[in-house]
PDB file of N, CA and C in Angstrom:
ATOM      1  N   MET A   1      90.129  71.429 117.898  1.00  0.00           N
ATOM      2  CA  MET A   1      89.706  72.113 118.562  1.00  0.00           C
ATOM      3  C   MET A   1      90.509  73.860 117.357  1.00  0.00           C
ATOM      4  N   SER A   2      89.601  74.941 117.670  1.00  0.00           N
ATOM      5  CA  SER A   2      89.446  75.979 116.525  1.00  0.00           C
ATOM      6  C   SER A   2      90.920  75.901 116.273  1.00  0.00           C
ATOM      7  N   GLN A   3      91.159  76.902 115.472  1.00  0.00           N
ATOM      8  CA  GLN A   3      92.656  77.556 115.454  1.00  0.00           C
ATOM      9  C   GLN A   3      92.792  78.568 115.696  1.00  0.00           C
ATOM     10  N   PHE A   4      92.047  79.124 116.390  1.00  0.00           N
ATOM     11  CA  PHE A   4      91.992  80.240 117.176  1.00  0.00           C
ATOM     12  C   PHE A   4      91.560  79.952 118.696  1.00  0.00           C
ATOM     13  N   SER A   5      91.952  79.201 119.392  1.00  0.00           N
ATOM     14  CA  SER A   5      92.255  78.933 120.564  1.00  0.00           C
ATOM     15  C   SER A   5      92.077  79.308 121.783  1.00  0.00           C
ATOM     16  N   LYS A   6      92.103  79.269 122.903  1.00  0.00           N
ATOM     17  CA  LYS A   6      92.198  79.753 124.206  1.00  0.00           C
ATOM     18  C   LYS A   6      94.459  79.859 124.066  1.00  0.00           C
ATOM     19  N   GLU A   7      94.497  78.959 123.330  1.00  0.00           N
ATOM     20  CA  GLU A   7      96.565  78.678 123.761  1.00  0.00           C
ATOM     21  C   GLU A   7      96.969  79.024 122.662  1.00  0.00           C
ATOM     22  N   LYS A   8      97.006  79.498 121.480  1.00  0.00           N
ATOM     23  CA  LYS A   8      97.243  80.893 120.434  1.00  0.00           C
ATOM     24  C   LYS A   8      96.410  81.726 120.597  1.00  0.00           C
ATOM     25  N   PRO A   9      97.194  83.039 120.720  1.00  0.00           N
ATOM     26  CA  PRO A   9      97.206  83.966 121.017  1.00  0.00           C
ATOM     27  C   PRO A   9      95.918  84.988 119.430  1.00  0.00           C
ATOM     28  N   TYR A  10      94.844  85.279 119.817  1.00  0.00           N
ATOM     29  CA  TYR A  10      94.272  85.503 118.697  1.00  0.00           C
ATOM     30  C   TYR A  10      95.154  86.814 117.433  1.00  0.00           C
ATOM     31  N   ASP A  11      95.190  86.596 116.487  1.00  0.00           N
ATOM     32  CA  ASP A  11      95.893  87.397 115.707  1.00  0.00           C
ATOM     33  C   ASP A  11      95.585  87.358 113.778  1.00  0.00           C
ATOM     34  N   LEU A  12      94.687  88.524 114.304  1.00  0.00           N
ATOM     35  CA  LEU A  12      94.051  89.304 113.134  1.00  0.00           C
ATOM     36  C   LEU A  12      94.773  89.027 111.603  1.00  0.00           C
ATOM     37  N   GLU A  13      96.001  89.512 111.800  1.00  0.00           N
ATOM     38  CA  GLU A  13      96.765  89.830 110.860  1.00  0.00           C
ATOM     39  C   GLU A  13      97.576  88.130 110.339  1.00  0.00           C
ATOM     40  N   GLU A  14      97.797  87.125 111.127  1.00  0.00           N
ATOM     41  CA  GLU A  14      97.514  86.049 110.485  1.00  0.00           C
ATOM     42  C   GLU A  14      96.577  85.162 109.854  1.00  0.00           C
ATOM     43  N   ARG A  15      95.262  85.503 110.913  1.00  0.00           N
ATOM     44  CA  ARG A  15      94.002  85.052 110.261  1.00  0.00           C
ATOM     45  C   ARG A  15      93.674  85.575 108.589  1.00  0.00           C
ATOM     46  N   THR A  16      93.741  86.772 107.921  1.00  0.00           N
ATOM     47  CA  THR A  16      93.818  87.734 107.309  1.00  0.00           C
ATOM     48  C   THR A  16      94.703  86.642 105.829  1.00  0.00           C
ATOM     49  N   ALA A  17      95.909  87.144 106.352  1.00  0.00           N
ATOM     50  CA  ALA A  17      96.520  86.077 105.654  1.00  0.00           C
ATOM     51  C   ALA A  17      96.316  84.628 105.291  1.00  0.00           C
ATOM     52  N   LYS A  18      95.523  83.936 106.334  1.00  0.00           N
ATOM     53  CA  LYS A  18      95.504  82.461 105.595  1.00  0.00           C
ATOM     54  C   LYS A  18      93.679  82.688 104.858  1.00  0.00           C
ATOM     55  N   PHE A  19      93.169  83.796 104.962  1.00  0.00           N
ATOM     56  CA  PHE A  19      91.983  84.022 104.142  1.00  0.00           C
ATOM     57  C   PHE A  19      92.972  84.021 102.927  1.00  0.00           C
ATOM     58  N   ALA A  20      93.572  84.887 102.667  1.00  0.00           N
ATOM     59  CA  ALA A  20      94.342  84.990 101.288  1.00  0.00           C
ATOM     60  C   ALA A  20      94.785  83.467 100.264  1.00  0.00           C
ATOM     61  N   GLU A  21      95.315  83.571 101.471  1.00  0.00           N
ATOM     62  CA  GLU A  21      95.609  82.093 100.993  1.00  0.00           C
ATOM     63  C   GLU A  21      95.338  80.450 100.415  1.00  0.00           C
ATOM     64  N   ASP A  22      93.831  80.374 101.522  1.00  0.00           N
ATOM     65  CA  ASP A  22      92.763  79.790 101.053  1.00  0.00           C
ATOM     66  C   ASP A  22      91.935  80.001 100.141  1.00  0.00           C
ATOM     67  N   VAL A  23      91.702  81.278  99.706  1.00  0.00           N
ATOM     68  CA  VAL A  23      91.300  81.768  98.708  1.00  0.00           C
ATOM     69  C   VAL A  23      92.537  81.228  97.492  1.00  0.00           C
ATOM     70  N   ILE A  24      93.283  81.510  97.235  1.00  0.00           N
ATOM     71  CA  ILE A  24      94.692  80.740  96.278  1.00  0.00           C
ATOM     72  C   ILE A  24      94.581  79.952  96.259  1.00  0.00           C
ATOM     73  N   LYS A  25      94.718  78.763  97.198  1.00  0.00           N
ATOM     74  CA  LYS A  25      94.466  77.319  97.304  1.00  0.00           C
ATOM     75  C   LYS A  25      93.106  76.608  96.385  1.00  0.00           C
ATOM     76  N   LEU A  26      92.047  77.648  96.261  1.00  0.00           N
ATOM     77  CA  LEU A  26      91.105  77.258  95.999  1.00  0.00           C
ATOM     78  C   LEU A  26      90.838  77.551  94.462  1.00  0.00           C
ATOM     79  N   LEU A  27      91.576  78.275  94.441  1.00  0.00           N
ATOM     80  CA  LEU A  27      91.609  79.104  92.683  1.00  0.00           C
ATOM     81  C   LEU A  27      92.313  78.448  92.033  1.00  0.00           C
ATOM     82  N   ARG A  28      93.813  77.472  92.430  1.00  0.00           N
ATOM     83  CA  ARG A  28      94.448  76.448  91.547  1.00  0.00           C
ATOM     84  C   ARG A  28      93.894  75.466  91.442  1.00  0.00           C
ATOM     85  N   THR A  29      92.679  75.169  92.140  1.00  0.00           N
ATOM     86  CA  THR A  29      92.129  73.975  91.540  1.00  0.00           C
ATOM     87  C   THR A  29      90.670  74.459  90.441  1.00  0.00           C
ATOM     88  N   ILE A  30      90.635  75.022  90.164  1.00  0.00           N
ATOM     89  CA  ILE A  30      89.510  76.061  89.334  1.00  0.00           C
ATOM     90  C   ILE A  30      90.419  76.079  87.701  1.00  0.00           C
ATOM     91  N   SER A  31      89.290  75.946  86.875  1.00  0.00           N
ATOM     92  CA  SER A  31      89.612  75.810  85.401  1.00  0.00           C
ATOM     93  C   SER A  31      89.606  77.258  84.952  1.00  0.00           C
ATOM     94  N   GLN A  32      90.857  77.989  84.567  1.00  0.00           N
ATOM     95  CA  GLN A  32      90.904  79.029  83.918  1.00  0.00           C
ATOM     96  C   GLN A  32      90.254  79.364  82.739  1.00  0.00           C
ATOM     97  N   ASP A  33      89.195  79.538  82.168  1.00  0.00           N
ATOM     98  CA  ASP A  33      88.454  79.712  81.073  1.00  0.00           C
ATOM     99  C   ASP A  33      88.189  81.433  81.161  1.00  0.00           C
ATOM    100  N   SER A  34      88.018  81.776  80.223  1.00  0.00           N
ATOM    101  CA  SER A  34      87.730  83.404  80.222  1.00  0.00           C
ATOM    102  C   SER A  34      87.076  83.900  81.239  1.00  0.00           C
ATOM    103  N   ILE A  35      86.093  83.390  82.052  1.00  0.00           N
ATOM    104  CA  ILE A  35      85.166  84.412  83.002  1.00  0.00           C
ATOM    105  C   ILE A  35      85.843  83.719  84.133  1.00  0.00           C
ATOM    106  N   ASN A  36      86.169  82.405  84.141  1.00  0.00           N
ATOM    107  CA  ASN A  36      87.218  82.079  85.512  1.00  0.00           C
ATOM    108  C   ASN A  36      87.922  83.107  86.199  1.00  0.00           C
ATOM    109  N   LYS A  37      89.031  83.425  84.631  1.00  0.00           N
ATOM    110  CA  LYS A  37      89.912  84.026  84.715  1.00  0.00           C
ATOM    111  C   LYS A  37      89.747  85.455  85.202  1.00  0.00           C
ATOM    112  N   ARG A  38      89.036  86.313  85.091  1.00  0.00           N
ATOM    113  CA  ARG A  38      88.670  87.138  85.201  1.00  0.00           C
ATOM    114  C   ARG A  38      88.626  87.514  86.676  1.00  0.00           C
ATOM    115  N   ILE A  39      87.591  86.550  87.153  1.00  0.00           N
ATOM    116  CA  ILE A  39      86.662  86.487  88.514  1.00  0.00           C
ATOM    117  C   ILE A  39      87.897  86.022  89.719  1.00  0.00           C
ATOM    118  N   MET A  40      88.897  85.198  88.691  1.00  0.00           N
ATOM    119  CA  MET A  40      90.029  84.819  90.382  1.00  0.00           C
ATOM    120  C   MET A  40      91.030  86.098  89.879  1.00  0.00           C
ATOM    121  N   ASP A  41      91.506  87.030  88.910  1.00  0.00           N
ATOM    122  CA  ASP A  41      92.472  87.773  89.033  1.00  0.00           C
ATOM    123  C   ASP A  41      91.857  89.073  90.000  1.00  0.00           C
ATOM    124  N   GLN A  42      90.277  89.035  90.174  1.00  0.00           N
ATOM    125  CA  GLN A  42      89.746  90.188  90.811  1.00  0.00           C
ATOM    126  C   GLN A  42      89.715  89.740  92.127  1.00  0.00           C
ATOM    127  N   LEU A  43      89.589  88.611  93.089  1.00  0.00           N
ATOM    128  CA  LEU A  43      89.519  87.530  93.891  1.00  0.00           C
ATOM    129  C   LEU A  43      90.971  87.721  94.777  1.00  0.00           C
ATOM    130  N   VAL A  44      91.936  87.191  93.265  1.00  0.00           N
ATOM    131  CA  VAL A  44      92.836  87.268  94.890  1.00  0.00           C
ATOM    132  C   VAL A  44      93.381  88.776  95.236  1.00  0.00           C
ATOM    133  N   GLY A  45      93.481  89.970  93.904  1.00  0.00           N
ATOM    134  CA  GLY A  45      93.752  91.565  94.689  1.00  0.00           C
ATOM    135  C   GLY A  45      93.036  91.721  95.882  1.00  0.00           C
ATOM    136  N   SER A  46      91.274  91.755  95.525  1.00  0.00           N
ATOM    137  CA  SER A  46      90.598  91.969  96.738  1.00  0.00           C
ATOM    138  C   SER A  46      90.997  91.006  98.189  1.00  0.00           C
ATOM    139  N   SER A  47      90.955  89.929  97.996  1.00  0.00           N
ATOM    140  CA  SER A  47      91.436  88.745  99.129  1.00  0.00           C
ATOM    141  C   SER A  47      92.636  89.328  99.902  1.00  0.00           C
ATOM    142  N   GLY A  48      93.411  89.650  99.151  1.00  0.00           N
ATOM    143  CA  GLY A  48      94.824  90.217  99.779  1.00  0.00           C
ATOM    144  C   GLY A  48      95.022  90.982 100.116  1.00  0.00           C
ATOM    145  N   SER A  49      94.122  92.156  99.865  1.00  0.00           N
ATOM    146  CA  SER A  49      94.033  93.593  99.892  1.00  0.00           C
ATOM    147  C   SER A  49      93.429  93.173 101.439  1.00  0.00           C
ATOM    148  N   ILE A  50      93.148  92.530 101.995  1.00  0.00           N
ATOM    149  CA  ILE A  50      92.562  92.827 103.144  1.00  0.00           C
ATOM    150  C   ILE A  50      93.584  92.567 104.348  1.00  0.00           C
ATOM    151  N   GLY A  51      94.438  91.422 104.351  1.00  0.00           N
ATOM    152  CA  GLY A  51      94.967  91.589 104.993  1.00  0.00           C
ATOM    153  C   GLY A  51      96.579  92.843 104.474  1.00  0.00           C
ATOM    154  N   ALA A  52      97.231  93.395 103.967  1.00  0.00           N
ATOM    155  CA  ALA A  52      97.698  94.139 103.094  1.00  0.00           C
ATOM    156  C   ALA A  52      97.422  95.654 104.064  1.00  0.00           C
ATOM    157  N   ASN A  53      95.860  95.636 103.773  1.00  0.00           N
ATOM    158  CA  ASN A  53      95.420  97.265 104.713  1.00  0.00           C
ATOM    159  C   ASN A  53      95.539  97.009 105.953  1.00  0.00           C
ATOM    160  N   TYR A  54      95.057  95.941 106.248  1.00  0.00           N
ATOM    161  CA  TYR A  54      95.016  95.500 107.990  1.00  0.00           C
ATOM    162  C   TYR A  54      96.667  95.709 107.842  1.00  0.00           C
ATOM    163  N   CYS A  55      97.408  95.306 107.676  1.00  0.00           N
ATOM    164  CA  CYS A  55      98.776  95.374 107.890  1.00  0.00           C
ATOM    165  C   CYS A  55      99.038  96.566 108.486  1.00  0.00           C
ATOM    166  N   GLU A  56      99.083  97.770 107.305  1.00  0.00           N
ATOM    167  CA  GLU A  56      99.227  99.289 107.364  1.00  0.00           C
ATOM    168  C   GLU A  56      98.021  99.619 108.153  1.00  0.00           C
ATOM    169  N   ALA A  57      97.282  99.364 108.997  1.00  0.00           N
ATOM    170  CA  ALA A  57      96.609  99.771 109.928  1.00  0.00           C
ATOM    171  C   ALA A  57      96.902  99.605 111.285  1.00  0.00           C
ATOM    172  N   VAL A  58      97.637  98.343 111.337  1.00  0.00           N
ATOM    173  CA  VAL A  58      98.218  98.411 112.687  1.00  0.00           C
ATOM    174  C   VAL A  58      99.604  99.478 112.945  1.00  0.00           C
ATOM    175  N   GLU A  59     100.150  99.738 111.603  1.00  0.00           N
ATOM    176  CA  GLU A  59     101.244 100.526 111.565  1.00  0.00           C
ATOM    177  C   GLU A  59     100.734 102.512 111.671  1.00  0.00           C
ATOM    178  N   SER A  60      99.400 101.965 111.187  1.00  0.00           N
ATOM    179  CA  SER A  60      98.879 103.842 111.093  1.00  0.00           C
ATOM    180  C   SER A  60      99.587 104.740 112.356  1.00  0.00           C
ATOM    181  N   GLU A  61      99.536 105.784 111.406  1.00  0.00           N
ATOM    182  CA  GLU A  61     100.122 107.218 112.521  1.00  0.00           C
ATOM    183  C   GLU A  61      99.468 107.929 113.289  1.00  0.00           C
ATOM    184  N   SER A  62      98.196 107.673 112.676  1.00  0.00           N
ATOM    185  CA  SER A  62      97.014 108.455 113.701  1.00  0.00           C
ATOM    186  C   SER A  62      95.698 107.675 113.614  1.00  0.00           C
ATOM    187  N   LYS A  63      94.952 107.811 114.701  1.00  0.00           N
ATOM    188  CA  LYS A  63      93.435 107.398 115.040  1.00  0.00           C
ATOM    189  C   LYS A  63      92.595 107.297 113.632  1.00  0.00           C
ATOM    190  N   LYS A  64      92.439 108.883 112.548  1.00  0.00           N
ATOM    191  CA  LYS A  64      91.695 108.636 111.828  1.00  0.00           C
ATOM    192  C   LYS A  64      92.597 108.219 110.691  1.00  0.00           C
ATOM    193  N   ASP A  65      93.826 107.544 110.454  1.00  0.00           N
ATOM    194  CA  ASP A  65      94.258 106.754 109.262  1.00  0.00           C
ATOM    195  C   ASP A  65      94.218 105.030 109.740  1.00  0.00           C
ATOM    196  N   PHE A  66      94.283 104.583 111.355  1.00  0.00           N
ATOM    197  CA  PHE A  66      93.898 103.876 111.523  1.00  0.00           C
ATOM    198  C   PHE A  66      92.427 103.051 111.133  1.00  0.00           C
ATOM    199  N   ILE A  67      91.345 104.207 111.127  1.00  0.00           N
ATOM    200  CA  ILE A  67      90.178 103.967 110.907  1.00  0.00           C
ATOM    201  C   ILE A  67      89.431 103.840 109.517  1.00  0.00           C
ATOM    202  N   HIS A  68      90.409 104.911 108.762  1.00  0.00           N
ATOM    203  CA  HIS A  68      90.495 104.694 107.326  1.00  0.00           C
ATOM    204  C   HIS A  68      90.742 103.714 106.739  1.00  0.00           C
ATOM    205  N   LYS A  69      92.084 103.259 107.080  1.00  0.00           N
ATOM    206  CA  LYS A  69      92.839 101.593 106.419  1.00  0.00           C
ATOM    207  C   LYS A  69      92.120 100.327 107.081  1.00  0.00           C
ATOM    208  N   ILE A  70      91.437 100.554 108.263  1.00  0.00           N
ATOM    209  CA  ILE A  70      90.130  99.672 108.937  1.00  0.00           C
ATOM    210  C   ILE A  70      89.121  99.577 107.953  1.00  0.00           C
ATOM    211  N   SER A  71      88.701 100.470 107.333  1.00  0.00           N
ATOM    212  CA  SER A  71      87.385 100.708 106.438  1.00  0.00           C
ATOM    213  C   SER A  71      87.631 100.146 105.180  1.00  0.00           C
ATOM    214  N   ILE A  72      88.942 100.718 104.326  1.00  0.00           N
ATOM    215  CA  ILE A  72      89.705  99.710 103.685  1.00  0.00           C
ATOM    216  C   ILE A  72      89.121  98.611 103.510  1.00  0.00           C
ATOM    217  N   CYS A  73      90.040  97.817 104.362  1.00  0.00           N
ATOM    218  CA  CYS A  73      89.828  96.633 104.834  1.00  0.00           C
ATOM    219  C   CYS A  73      88.117  96.127 104.311  1.00  0.00           C
ATOM    220  N   LYS A  74      87.143  97.020 105.029  1.00  0.00           N
ATOM    221  CA  LYS A  74      85.881  96.744 105.115  1.00  0.00           C
ATOM    222  C   LYS A  74      85.423  96.449 103.664  1.00  0.00           C
ATOM    223  N   LYS A  75      86.076  98.007 102.996  1.00  0.00           N
ATOM    224  CA  LYS A  75      85.660  97.558 101.408  1.00  0.00           C
ATOM    225  C   LYS A  75      86.203  96.528 100.518  1.00  0.00           C
ATOM    226  N   GLU A  76      87.522  96.280 100.923  1.00  0.00           N
ATOM    227  CA  GLU A  76      88.277  95.428 100.249  1.00  0.00           C
ATOM    228  C   GLU A  76      87.301  93.523 100.350  1.00  0.00           C
ATOM    229  N   ASN A  77      86.947  92.885 101.556  1.00  0.00           N
ATOM    230  CA  ASN A  77      86.051  92.626 102.040  1.00  0.00           C
ATOM    231  C   ASN A  77      85.122  92.351 101.289  1.00  0.00           C
ATOM    232  N   LYS A  78      84.109  93.255 101.310  1.00  0.00           N
ATOM    233  CA  LYS A  78      82.795  93.003 100.724  1.00  0.00           C
ATOM    234  C   LYS A  78      82.753  93.009  99.261  1.00  0.00           C
ATOM    235  N   GLU A  79      84.182  93.019  98.285  1.00  0.00           N
ATOM    236  CA  GLU A  79      84.338  93.273  96.896  1.00  0.00           C
ATOM    237  C   GLU A  79      84.574  91.419  97.147  1.00  0.00           C
ATOM    238  N   THR A  80      85.529  90.994  97.919  1.00  0.00           N
ATOM    239  CA  THR A  80      85.514  89.682  97.843  1.00  0.00           C
ATOM    240  C   THR A  80      84.474  88.666  98.296  1.00  0.00           C
ATOM    241  N   LYS A  81      83.767  89.392  99.050  1.00  0.00           N
ATOM    242  CA  LYS A  81      82.291  88.698  99.182  1.00  0.00           C
ATOM    243  C   LYS A  81      81.499  88.638  97.854  1.00  0.00           C
ATOM    244  N   HIS A  82      81.663  89.109  96.772  1.00  0.00           N
ATOM    245  CA  HIS A  82      80.663  89.703  95.836  1.00  0.00           C
ATOM    246  C   HIS A  82      81.583  88.476  94.299  1.00  0.00           C
ATOM    247  N   TRP A  83      83.108  88.825  94.793  1.00  0.00           N
ATOM    248  CA  TRP A  83      83.465  87.541  93.417  1.00  0.00           C
ATOM    249  C   TRP A  83      83.290  86.197  93.904  1.00  0.00           C
ATOM    250  N   LEU A  84      83.311  86.136  95.036  1.00  0.00           N
ATOM    251  CA  LEU A  84      83.300  84.719  95.728  1.00  0.00           C
ATOM    252  C   LEU A  84      81.979  84.444  95.217  1.00  0.00           C
ATOM    253  N   ARG A  85      80.599  85.087  94.978  1.00  0.00           N
ATOM    254  CA  ARG A  85      79.657  85.205  95.157  1.00  0.00           C
ATOM    255  C   ARG A  85      79.744  84.621  93.315  1.00  0.00           C
ATOM    256  N   LEU A  86      80.291  85.347  92.460  1.00  0.00           N
ATOM    257  CA  LEU A  86      80.481  84.893  90.903  1.00  0.00           C
ATOM    258  C   LEU A  86      80.993  83.630  91.132  1.00  0.00           C
ATOM    259  N   LEU A  87      82.200  83.613  91.703  1.00  0.00           N
ATOM    260  CA  LEU A  87      82.719  82.313  91.049  1.00  0.00           C
ATOM    261  C   LEU A  87      81.954  81.060  91.389  1.00  0.00           C
ATOM    262  N   ALA A  88      81.161  81.235  92.662  1.00  0.00           N
ATOM    263  CA  ALA A  88      80.163  79.746  92.601  1.00  0.00           C
ATOM    264  C   ALA A  88      78.896  79.706  91.710  1.00  0.00           C
ATOM    265  N   VAL A  89      78.757  80.949  90.723  1.00  0.00           N
ATOM    266  CA  VAL A  89      77.935  80.674  90.122  1.00  0.00           C
ATOM    267  C   VAL A  89      78.385  80.263  88.517  1.00  0.00           C
ATOM    268  N   SER A  90      79.845  80.313  88.606  1.00  0.00           N
ATOM    269  CA  SER A  90      80.873  79.749  87.663  1.00  0.00           C
ATOM    270  C   SER A  90      81.444  78.419  87.800  1.00  0.00           C
ATOM    271  N   ASN A  91      80.944  77.953  89.235  1.00  0.00           N
ATOM    272  CA  ASN A  91      81.738  76.834  89.132  1.00  0.00           C
ATOM    273  C   ASN A  91      80.963  76.319  90.459  1.00  0.00           C
ATOM    274  N   PRO A  92      80.383  75.692  90.065  1.00  0.00           N
ATOM    275  CA  PRO A  92      78.738  74.922  91.126  1.00  0.00           C
ATOM    276  C   PRO A  92      79.412  73.961  91.773  1.00  0.00           C
ATOM    277  N   GLU A  93      80.110  73.051  91.268  1.00  0.00           N
ATOM    278  CA  GLU A  93      80.837  72.306  91.793  1.00  0.00           C
ATOM    279  C   GLU A  93      81.984  72.007  93.073  1.00  0.00           C
ATOM    280  N   LYS A  94      82.374  73.249  93.384  1.00  0.00           N
ATOM    281  CA  LYS A  94      82.743  74.087  94.504  1.00  0.00           C
ATOM    282  C   LYS A  94      82.073  74.833  94.944  1.00  0.00           C
ATOM    283  N   LYS A  95      80.817  74.555  95.046  1.00  0.00           N
ATOM    284  CA  LYS A  95      79.693  75.997  96.015  1.00  0.00           C
ATOM    285  C   LYS A  95      80.341  75.511  97.773  1.00  0.00           C
ATOM    286  N   ASP A  96      80.588  74.489  97.935  1.00  0.00           N
ATOM    287  CA  ASP A  96      80.956  73.949  99.415  1.00  0.00           C
ATOM    288  C   ASP A  96      81.978  75.063  99.853  1.00  0.00           C
ATOM    289  N   GLU A  97      82.779  74.803  98.927  1.00  0.00           N
ATOM    290  CA  GLU A  97      84.572  75.287  99.316  1.00  0.00           C
ATOM    291  C   GLU A  97      84.201  76.593  99.434  1.00  0.00           C
ATOM    292  N   ILE A  98      83.630  77.236  98.638  1.00  0.00           N
ATOM    293  CA  ILE A  98      83.412  78.913  98.305  1.00  0.00           C
ATOM    294  C   ILE A  98      82.470  79.052  99.347  1.00  0.00           C
ATOM    295  N   ARG A  99      81.609  78.530  99.431  1.00  0.00           N
ATOM    296  CA  ARG A  99      80.767  79.218 101.211  1.00  0.00           C
ATOM    297  C   ARG A  99      81.489  79.197 102.048  1.00  0.00           C
ATOM    298  N   ASN A 100      82.330  78.057 102.417  1.00  0.00           N
ATOM    299  CA  ASN A 100      83.326  78.515 103.836  1.00  0.00           C
ATOM    300  C   ASN A 100      83.677  79.324 103.577  1.00  0.00           C
ATOM    301  N   LEU A 101      84.801  80.023 102.542  1.00  0.00           N
ATOM    302  CA  LEU A 101      85.342  80.996 102.585  1.00  0.00           C
ATOM    303  C   LEU A 101      84.522  82.630 102.234  1.00  0.00           C
ATOM    304  N   TRP A 102      82.860  82.329 101.841  1.00  0.00           N
ATOM    305  CA  TRP A 102      82.390  83.769 102.119  1.00  0.00           C
ATOM    306  C   TRP A 102      82.044  83.325 103.711  1.00  0.00           C
ATOM    307  N   LYS A 103      81.964  82.756 104.237  1.00  0.00           N
ATOM    308  CA  LYS A 103      81.365  82.883 105.587  1.00  0.00           C
ATOM    309  C   LYS A 103      82.457  83.517 106.310  1.00  0.00           C
ATOM    310  N   GLU A 104      83.994  82.892 106.583  1.00  0.00           N
ATOM    311  CA  GLU A 104      85.028  83.589 106.788  1.00  0.00           C
ATOM    312  C   GLU A 104      84.964  84.822 106.337  1.00  0.00           C
ATOM    313  N   ALA A 105      85.032  85.156 104.901  1.00  0.00           N
ATOM    314  CA  ALA A 105      85.036  86.879 104.908  1.00  0.00           C
ATOM    315  C   ALA A 105      83.581  87.275 105.657  1.00  0.00           C
ATOM    316  N   GLN A 106      82.636  86.640 105.539  1.00  0.00           N
ATOM    317  CA  GLN A 106      82.035  87.613 106.182  1.00  0.00           C
ATOM    318  C   GLN A 106      82.096  87.644 107.997  1.00  0.00           C
ATOM    319  N   GLU A 107      82.302  86.654 108.372  1.00  0.00           N
ATOM    320  CA  GLU A 107      83.210  86.988 109.962  1.00  0.00           C
ATOM    321  C   GLU A 107      84.597  88.139 109.905  1.00  0.00           C
ATOM    322  N   LEU A 108      85.139  87.944 108.994  1.00  0.00           N
ATOM    323  CA  LEU A 108      86.080  89.390 109.068  1.00  0.00           C
ATOM    324  C   LEU A 108      85.628  90.618 108.669  1.00  0.00           C
ATOM    325  N   LEU A 109      84.435  90.601 107.986  1.00  0.00           N
ATOM    326  CA  LEU A 109      83.601  91.709 108.034  1.00  0.00           C
ATOM    327  C   LEU A 109      82.856  92.233 109.329  1.00  0.00           C
ATOM    328  N   LEU A 110      82.695  91.449 109.849  1.00  0.00           N
ATOM    329  CA  LEU A 110      81.674  91.727 111.253  1.00  0.00           C
ATOM    330  C   LEU A 110      82.822  92.514 112.254  1.00  0.00           C
ATOM    331  N   ILE A 111      84.050  91.618 111.855  1.00  0.00           N
ATOM    332  CA  ILE A 111      84.951  92.087 113.071  1.00  0.00           C
ATOM    333  C   ILE A 111      85.528  93.248 112.841  1.00  0.00           C
ATOM    334  N   PHE A 112      86.298  93.589 111.265  1.00  0.00           N
ATOM    335  CA  PHE A 112      86.573  95.542 110.991  1.00  0.00           C
ATOM    336  C   PHE A 112      85.218  96.091 111.284  1.00  0.00           C
ATOM    337  N   SER A 113      84.091  95.801 110.890  1.00  0.00           N
ATOM    338  CA  SER A 113      82.533  96.847 111.046  1.00  0.00           C
ATOM    339  C   SER A 113      83.241  96.971 112.835  1.00  0.00           C
ATOM    340  N   LYS A 114      83.191  95.689 113.796  1.00  0.00           N
ATOM    341  CA  LYS A 114      83.291  96.095 115.098  1.00  0.00           C
ATOM    342  C   LYS A 114      84.063  97.246 114.857  1.00  0.00           C
ATOM    343  N   ILE A 115      85.537  96.898 114.981  1.00  0.00           N
ATOM    344  CA  ILE A 115      87.068  97.933 115.211  1.00  0.00           C
ATOM    345  C   ILE A 115      86.901  98.797 115.074  1.00  0.00           C
ATOM    346  N   VAL A 116      86.078  99.282 113.455  1.00  0.00           N
ATOM    347  CA  VAL A 116      85.676 100.734 113.109  1.00  0.00           C
ATOM    348  C   VAL A 116      84.798 101.474 114.464  1.00  0.00           C
ATOM    349  N   ARG A 117      83.785 101.012 114.822  1.00  0.00           N
ATOM    350  CA  ARG A 117      82.628 101.446 115.417  1.00  0.00           C
ATOM    351  C   ARG A 117      83.662 102.017 116.696  1.00  0.00           C
ATOM    352  N   THR A 118      84.011 100.903 117.331  1.00  0.00           N
ATOM    353  CA  THR A 118      84.730 100.663 118.346  1.00  0.00           C
ATOM    354  C   THR A 118      85.732 102.246 118.742  1.00  0.00           C
ATOM    355  N   SER A 119      86.759 102.195 117.894  1.00  0.00           N
ATOM    356  CA  SER A 119      87.800 103.259 117.341  1.00  0.00           C
ATOM    357  C   SER A 119      86.572 104.537 116.978  1.00  0.00           C
ATOM    358  N   ARG A 120      85.618 104.628 116.336  1.00  0.00           N
ATOM    359  CA  ARG A 120      84.924 106.068 116.577  1.00  0.00           C
ATOM    360  C   ARG A 120      84.641 106.395 117.527  1.00  0.00           C
ATOM    361  N   ASN A 121      84.200 105.444 118.799  1.00  0.00           N
ATOM    362  CA  ASN A 121      83.261 105.847 120.070  1.00  0.00           C
ATOM    363  C   ASN A 121      84.787 106.439 120.953  1.00  0.00           C
ATOM    364  N   SER A 122      85.967 106.029 120.577  1.00  0.00           N
ATOM    365  CA  SER A 122      86.859 106.218 121.901  1.00  0.00           C
ATOM    366  C   SER A 122      86.909 107.329 121.790  1.00  0.00           C
ATOM    367  N   LYS A 123      87.859 107.726 123.083  1.00  0.00           N
ATOM    368  CA  LYS A 123      87.851 109.023 123.068  1.00  0.00           C
ATOM    369  C   LYS A 123      89.318 109.303 123.106  1.00  0.00           C
ATOM    370  N   THR A 124      90.154 108.146 122.617  1.00  0.00           N
ATOM    371  CA  THR A 124      91.523 108.611 122.668  1.00  0.00           C
ATOM    372  C   THR A 124      92.111 108.544 120.408  1.00  0.00           C
TER     373      THR A 124
END
């Protein structure tokens, strides 16, 4: 059964945190040569920033601020996908694990995109 089953309420804050944790867990299995080190530093930052900005969005003081913070989540998400792509090139033996993380990043991006569209179109 999916971790986001009907028995467990959907929690985007938890999902973004778990995503960043999964990125960290993967990176702990990769050697830290000069290329990987640079990619890893960027990847940890951008993947962690997705959830941090979502937390800020939830506590936003206005609709405009909320949309802005969610838009930052989208930007950080796109950056994360970029670094995951480069990580896959530098570590082809980890391609399947990286692909799974990339898919989750893509799902999160679609969710944040929908949130922005819905928020912009709402009257309140």
